[in-house]
Amino acid sequence: MANFTNSALITSDTTVKAVSGFLKKITVSFKGVAVGEFVTIANHATLNVPALLVIPFATANGVVQLDFGDIGLKFDTAIRVNIGATAGQVWVTVQYR
């Protein structure tokens, strides 16, 4: 099984991988965001849909970390991080292959 790669720090909509792959871990840190906004992980290289994963902000400040185990969550087309926050700061890192 191939090793997972750590992304650089993501602060805006970014295609992490432009072909199919697996997402092992995502860490979302946020400060001063609007409650109810979110980060999505989409299964498309250039569009924000379809979102396979939605991480809503339940508080204005915090950290959310999700781990999908040794195999990871499969993305058939691409892995794209979309930051849906209109205020505050959001930092995302992912492990993928």
N, C-alpha and C. Protein backbone atom coordinates (compact mmCIF):
# COMPACT_ATOMS: atom_id res chain seq x y z
N MET A 1 0.84 -1.17 0.00
CA MET A 1 0.00 0.00 0.00
C MET A 1 0.89 1.24 0.00
N ALA A 2 0.54 2.21 -0.82
CA ALA A 2 1.33 3.44 -0.94
C ALA A 2 1.22 4.28 0.32
N ASN A 3 2.27 5.04 0.58
CA ASN A 3 2.26 5.94 1.72
C ASN A 3 1.37 7.15 1.43
N PHE A 4 0.87 7.77 2.49
CA PHE A 4 0.08 8.98 2.35
C PHE A 4 1.00 10.19 2.34
N THR A 5 0.57 11.24 1.65
CA THR A 5 1.30 12.49 1.53
C THR A 5 0.61 13.55 2.39
N ASN A 6 1.38 14.39 3.05
CA ASN A 6 0.83 15.51 3.80
C ASN A 6 0.75 16.73 2.90
N SER A 7 -0.41 17.38 2.87
CA SER A 7 -0.54 18.59 2.05
C SER A 7 0.16 19.76 2.72
N ALA A 8 0.40 20.78 1.93
CA ALA A 8 0.82 22.07 2.49
C ALA A 8 -0.39 22.66 3.21
N LEU A 9 -0.20 23.70 3.96
CA LEU A 9 -1.30 24.37 4.64
C LEU A 9 -2.22 24.99 3.59
N ILE A 10 -3.51 24.66 3.67
CA ILE A 10 -4.50 25.13 2.69
C ILE A 10 -5.32 26.25 3.33
N THR A 11 -5.39 27.40 2.66
CA THR A 11 -6.16 28.54 3.18
C THR A 11 -7.19 29.07 2.18
N SER A 12 -7.29 28.44 1.01
CA SER A 12 -8.30 28.82 0.01
C SER A 12 -8.66 27.58 -0.79
N ASP A 13 -9.70 27.67 -1.60
CA ASP A 13 -10.13 26.52 -2.41
C ASP A 13 -8.94 25.97 -3.19
N THR A 14 -8.71 24.66 -3.06
CA THR A 14 -7.53 24.05 -3.64
C THR A 14 -7.82 22.62 -4.09
N THR A 15 -7.35 22.27 -5.28
CA THR A 15 -7.37 20.88 -5.70
C THR A 15 -6.11 20.22 -5.15
N VAL A 16 -6.31 19.30 -4.22
CA VAL A 16 -5.19 18.61 -3.58
C VAL A 16 -4.62 17.54 -4.49
N LYS A 17 -5.52 16.84 -5.19
CA LYS A 17 -5.11 15.79 -6.12
C LYS A 17 -6.09 15.82 -7.29
N ALA A 18 -5.58 15.91 -8.51
CA ALA A 18 -6.43 16.08 -9.70
C ALA A 18 -6.91 14.77 -10.30
N VAL A 19 -6.58 13.66 -9.69
CA VAL A 19 -7.05 12.34 -10.13
C VAL A 19 -7.60 11.60 -8.91
N SER A 20 -8.15 10.42 -9.13
CA SER A 20 -8.74 9.68 -8.02
C SER A 20 -7.71 9.40 -6.93
N GLY A 21 -8.20 9.23 -5.71
CA GLY A 21 -7.29 8.97 -4.61
C GLY A 21 -8.04 8.67 -3.33
N PHE A 22 -7.29 8.66 -2.24
CA PHE A 22 -7.85 8.34 -0.93
C PHE A 22 -7.45 9.44 0.05
N LEU A 23 -8.41 9.86 0.86
CA LEU A 23 -8.18 10.83 1.92
C LEU A 23 -8.09 10.09 3.24
N LYS A 24 -6.94 10.18 3.91
CA LYS A 24 -6.75 9.49 5.19
C LYS A 24 -7.16 10.36 6.36
N LYS A 25 -6.70 11.60 6.37
CA LYS A 25 -6.94 12.47 7.52
C LYS A 25 -7.13 13.90 7.06
N ILE A 26 -8.02 14.62 7.75
CA ILE A 26 -8.18 16.05 7.51
C ILE A 26 -8.20 16.76 8.86
N THR A 27 -7.49 17.88 8.93
CA THR A 27 -7.51 18.73 10.12
C THR A 27 -7.94 20.12 9.67
N VAL A 28 -9.00 20.63 10.29
CA VAL A 28 -9.51 21.97 9.99
C VAL A 28 -9.42 22.80 11.27
N SER A 29 -8.63 23.87 11.21
CA SER A 29 -8.52 24.82 12.32
C SER A 29 -9.18 26.12 11.87
N PHE A 30 -9.90 26.77 12.78
CA PHE A 30 -10.61 27.98 12.38
C PHE A 30 -10.71 28.96 13.54
N LYS A 31 -10.75 30.25 13.15
CA LYS A 31 -10.81 31.33 14.14
C LYS A 31 -11.67 32.46 13.58
N GLY A 32 -12.71 32.84 14.32
CA GLY A 32 -13.55 33.97 13.94
C GLY A 32 -14.48 33.71 12.77
N VAL A 33 -14.83 32.45 12.52
CA VAL A 33 -15.72 32.13 11.40
C VAL A 33 -17.18 32.27 11.83
N ALA A 34 -18.08 32.32 10.87
CA ALA A 34 -19.50 32.36 11.15
C ALA A 34 -20.00 30.93 11.41
N VAL A 35 -20.69 30.76 12.52
CA VAL A 35 -21.25 29.45 12.85
C VAL A 35 -22.22 29.04 11.74
N GLY A 36 -22.14 27.79 11.30
CA GLY A 36 -23.00 27.28 10.24
C GLY A 36 -22.33 27.24 8.88
N GLU A 37 -21.27 28.02 8.70
CA GLU A 37 -20.52 27.90 7.45
C GLU A 37 -19.68 26.62 7.53
N PHE A 38 -18.87 26.32 6.52
CA PHE A 38 -18.30 24.98 6.46
C PHE A 38 -17.10 24.88 5.53
N VAL A 39 -16.43 23.74 5.63
CA VAL A 39 -15.42 23.30 4.67
C VAL A 39 -15.99 22.05 4.01
N THR A 40 -15.86 21.94 2.69
CA THR A 40 -16.28 20.72 2.00
C THR A 40 -15.07 20.10 1.31
N ILE A 41 -15.16 18.79 1.14
CA ILE A 41 -14.17 18.06 0.35
C ILE A 41 -14.95 17.48 -0.82
N ALA A 42 -14.62 17.94 -2.02
CA ALA A 42 -15.37 17.58 -3.22
C ALA A 42 -14.64 16.52 -4.04
N ASN A 43 -15.44 15.79 -4.80
CA ASN A 43 -14.96 14.73 -5.68
C ASN A 43 -14.87 15.26 -7.11
N HIS A 44 -14.16 16.40 -7.27
CA HIS A 44 -14.03 17.03 -8.58
C HIS A 44 -12.79 17.92 -8.55
N ALA A 45 -12.08 18.02 -9.63
CA ALA A 45 -10.82 18.77 -9.65
C ALA A 45 -11.01 20.28 -9.70
N THR A 46 -12.12 20.77 -10.27
CA THR A 46 -12.27 22.21 -10.43
C THR A 46 -13.56 22.77 -9.84
N LEU A 47 -14.54 21.93 -9.58
CA LEU A 47 -15.82 22.41 -9.05
C LEU A 47 -15.95 22.08 -7.57
N ASN A 48 -16.87 22.75 -6.91
CA ASN A 48 -17.09 22.53 -5.49
C ASN A 48 -18.10 21.42 -5.21
N VAL A 49 -18.56 20.75 -6.25
CA VAL A 49 -19.52 19.65 -6.09
C VAL A 49 -19.05 18.48 -6.93
N PRO A 50 -19.43 17.25 -6.65
CA PRO A 50 -20.22 16.88 -5.49
C PRO A 50 -19.36 16.79 -4.24
N ALA A 51 -19.87 17.29 -3.14
CA ALA A 51 -19.15 17.23 -1.86
C ALA A 51 -19.35 15.85 -1.24
N LEU A 52 -18.27 15.16 -0.98
CA LEU A 52 -18.37 13.87 -0.29
C LEU A 52 -18.27 14.04 1.21
N LEU A 53 -17.79 15.19 1.64
CA LEU A 53 -17.59 15.44 3.06
C LEU A 53 -17.87 16.90 3.34
N VAL A 54 -18.69 17.18 4.35
CA VAL A 54 -18.99 18.54 4.77
C VAL A 54 -18.64 18.65 6.25
N ILE A 55 -17.82 19.64 6.59
CA ILE A 55 -17.42 19.88 7.97
C ILE A 55 -17.95 21.26 8.37
N PRO A 56 -19.09 21.29 9.08
CA PRO A 56 -19.67 22.58 9.48
C PRO A 56 -18.96 23.17 10.70
N PHE A 57 -18.99 24.49 10.80
CA PHE A 57 -18.43 25.17 11.96
C PHE A 57 -19.53 25.31 13.01
N ALA A 58 -19.42 24.57 14.10
CA ALA A 58 -20.40 24.63 15.18
C ALA A 58 -20.09 25.74 16.17
N THR A 59 -18.86 26.23 16.14
CA THR A 59 -18.42 27.34 16.98
C THR A 59 -17.59 28.28 16.12
N ALA A 60 -17.32 29.47 16.63
CA ALA A 60 -16.54 30.45 15.86
C ALA A 60 -15.05 30.12 15.83
N ASN A 61 -14.57 29.38 16.84
CA ASN A 61 -13.16 29.04 16.93
C ASN A 61 -13.03 27.56 17.28
N GLY A 62 -12.09 26.87 16.67
CA GLY A 62 -11.89 25.48 17.06
C GLY A 62 -11.02 24.71 16.09
N VAL A 63 -10.99 23.40 16.34
CA VAL A 63 -10.24 22.46 15.51
C VAL A 63 -11.09 21.21 15.35
N VAL A 64 -11.18 20.70 14.13
CA VAL A 64 -11.85 19.44 13.84
C VAL A 64 -10.85 18.55 13.14
N GLN A 65 -10.72 17.32 13.61
CA GLN A 65 -9.82 16.37 12.96
C GLN A 65 -10.57 15.07 12.72
N LEU A 66 -10.54 14.59 11.49
CA LEU A 66 -11.17 13.33 11.12
C LEU A 66 -10.12 12.40 10.53
N ASP A 67 -10.18 11.13 10.93
CA ASP A 67 -9.23 10.13 10.43
C ASP A 67 -10.03 8.98 9.84
N PHE A 68 -9.75 8.62 8.60
CA PHE A 68 -10.50 7.59 7.89
C PHE A 68 -9.76 6.25 7.84
N GLY A 69 -8.85 6.05 8.76
CA GLY A 69 -8.20 4.75 8.90
C GLY A 69 -7.08 4.50 7.90
N ASP A 70 -6.62 3.25 7.89
CA ASP A 70 -5.45 2.88 7.09
C ASP A 70 -5.69 2.96 5.58
N ILE A 71 -6.91 2.73 5.13
CA ILE A 71 -7.19 2.77 3.69
C ILE A 71 -7.59 4.17 3.25
N GLY A 72 -8.43 4.84 4.02
CA GLY A 72 -8.87 6.19 3.68
C GLY A 72 -10.21 6.21 2.98
N LEU A 73 -10.75 7.39 2.81
CA LEU A 73 -12.02 7.64 2.12
C LEU A 73 -11.73 7.80 0.63
N LYS A 74 -12.40 7.01 -0.22
CA LYS A 74 -12.10 6.99 -1.66
C LYS A 74 -12.79 8.13 -2.39
N PHE A 75 -12.01 8.80 -3.25
CA PHE A 75 -12.52 9.83 -4.15
C PHE A 75 -12.27 9.34 -5.57
N ASP A 76 -13.33 9.21 -6.37
CA ASP A 76 -13.23 8.62 -7.70
C ASP A 76 -12.62 9.54 -8.75
N THR A 77 -12.80 10.86 -8.60
CA THR A 77 -12.39 11.80 -9.64
C THR A 77 -11.18 12.65 -9.24
N ALA A 78 -11.23 13.24 -8.05
CA ALA A 78 -10.19 14.14 -7.57
C ALA A 78 -10.47 14.42 -6.09
N ILE A 79 -9.56 15.14 -5.45
CA ILE A 79 -9.77 15.57 -4.07
C ILE A 79 -9.60 17.09 -4.05
N ARG A 80 -10.69 17.80 -3.74
CA ARG A 80 -10.68 19.26 -3.73
C ARG A 80 -11.20 19.78 -2.39
N VAL A 81 -10.45 20.69 -1.78
CA VAL A 81 -10.85 21.34 -0.54
C VAL A 81 -11.49 22.68 -0.89
N ASN A 82 -12.69 22.91 -0.36
CA ASN A 82 -13.40 24.17 -0.59
C ASN A 82 -13.70 24.80 0.77
N ILE A 83 -13.25 26.02 0.94
CA ILE A 83 -13.44 26.72 2.21
C ILE A 83 -14.62 27.68 2.06
N GLY A 84 -15.71 27.36 2.74
CA GLY A 84 -16.94 28.14 2.63
C GLY A 84 -17.13 29.13 3.75
N ALA A 85 -16.08 29.77 4.20
CA ALA A 85 -16.17 30.75 5.27
C ALA A 85 -16.09 32.16 4.68
N THR A 86 -17.01 33.03 5.10
CA THR A 86 -17.01 34.40 4.59
C THR A 86 -16.29 35.35 5.53
N ALA A 87 -15.99 34.88 6.75
CA ALA A 87 -15.28 35.71 7.72
C ALA A 87 -14.30 34.83 8.48
N GLY A 88 -13.37 35.46 9.14
CA GLY A 88 -12.41 34.72 9.96
C GLY A 88 -11.31 34.07 9.14
N GLN A 89 -10.62 33.14 9.78
CA GLN A 89 -9.51 32.44 9.15
C GLN A 89 -9.73 30.93 9.26
N VAL A 90 -9.35 30.22 8.21
CA VAL A 90 -9.48 28.76 8.18
C VAL A 90 -8.18 28.18 7.63
N TRP A 91 -7.68 27.16 8.31
CA TRP A 91 -6.47 26.46 7.87
C TRP A 91 -6.79 24.98 7.79
N VAL A 92 -6.43 24.35 6.69
CA VAL A 92 -6.73 22.93 6.47
C VAL A 92 -5.45 22.20 6.08
N THR A 93 -5.26 21.00 6.62
CA THR A 93 -4.24 20.10 6.13
C THR A 93 -4.89 18.74 5.92
N VAL A 94 -4.41 18.02 4.94
CA VAL A 94 -4.93 16.67 4.66
C VAL A 94 -3.78 15.71 4.44
N GLN A 95 -4.05 14.45 4.71
CA GLN A 95 -3.15 13.35 4.31
C GLN A 95 -3.91 12.59 3.22
N TYR A 96 -3.24 12.35 2.11
CA TYR A 96 -3.90 11.72 0.96
C TYR A 96 -2.91 10.86 0.19
N ARG A 97 -3.47 10.03 -0.67
CA ARG A 97 -2.65 9.29 -1.63
C ARG A 97 -3.47 9.04 -2.87
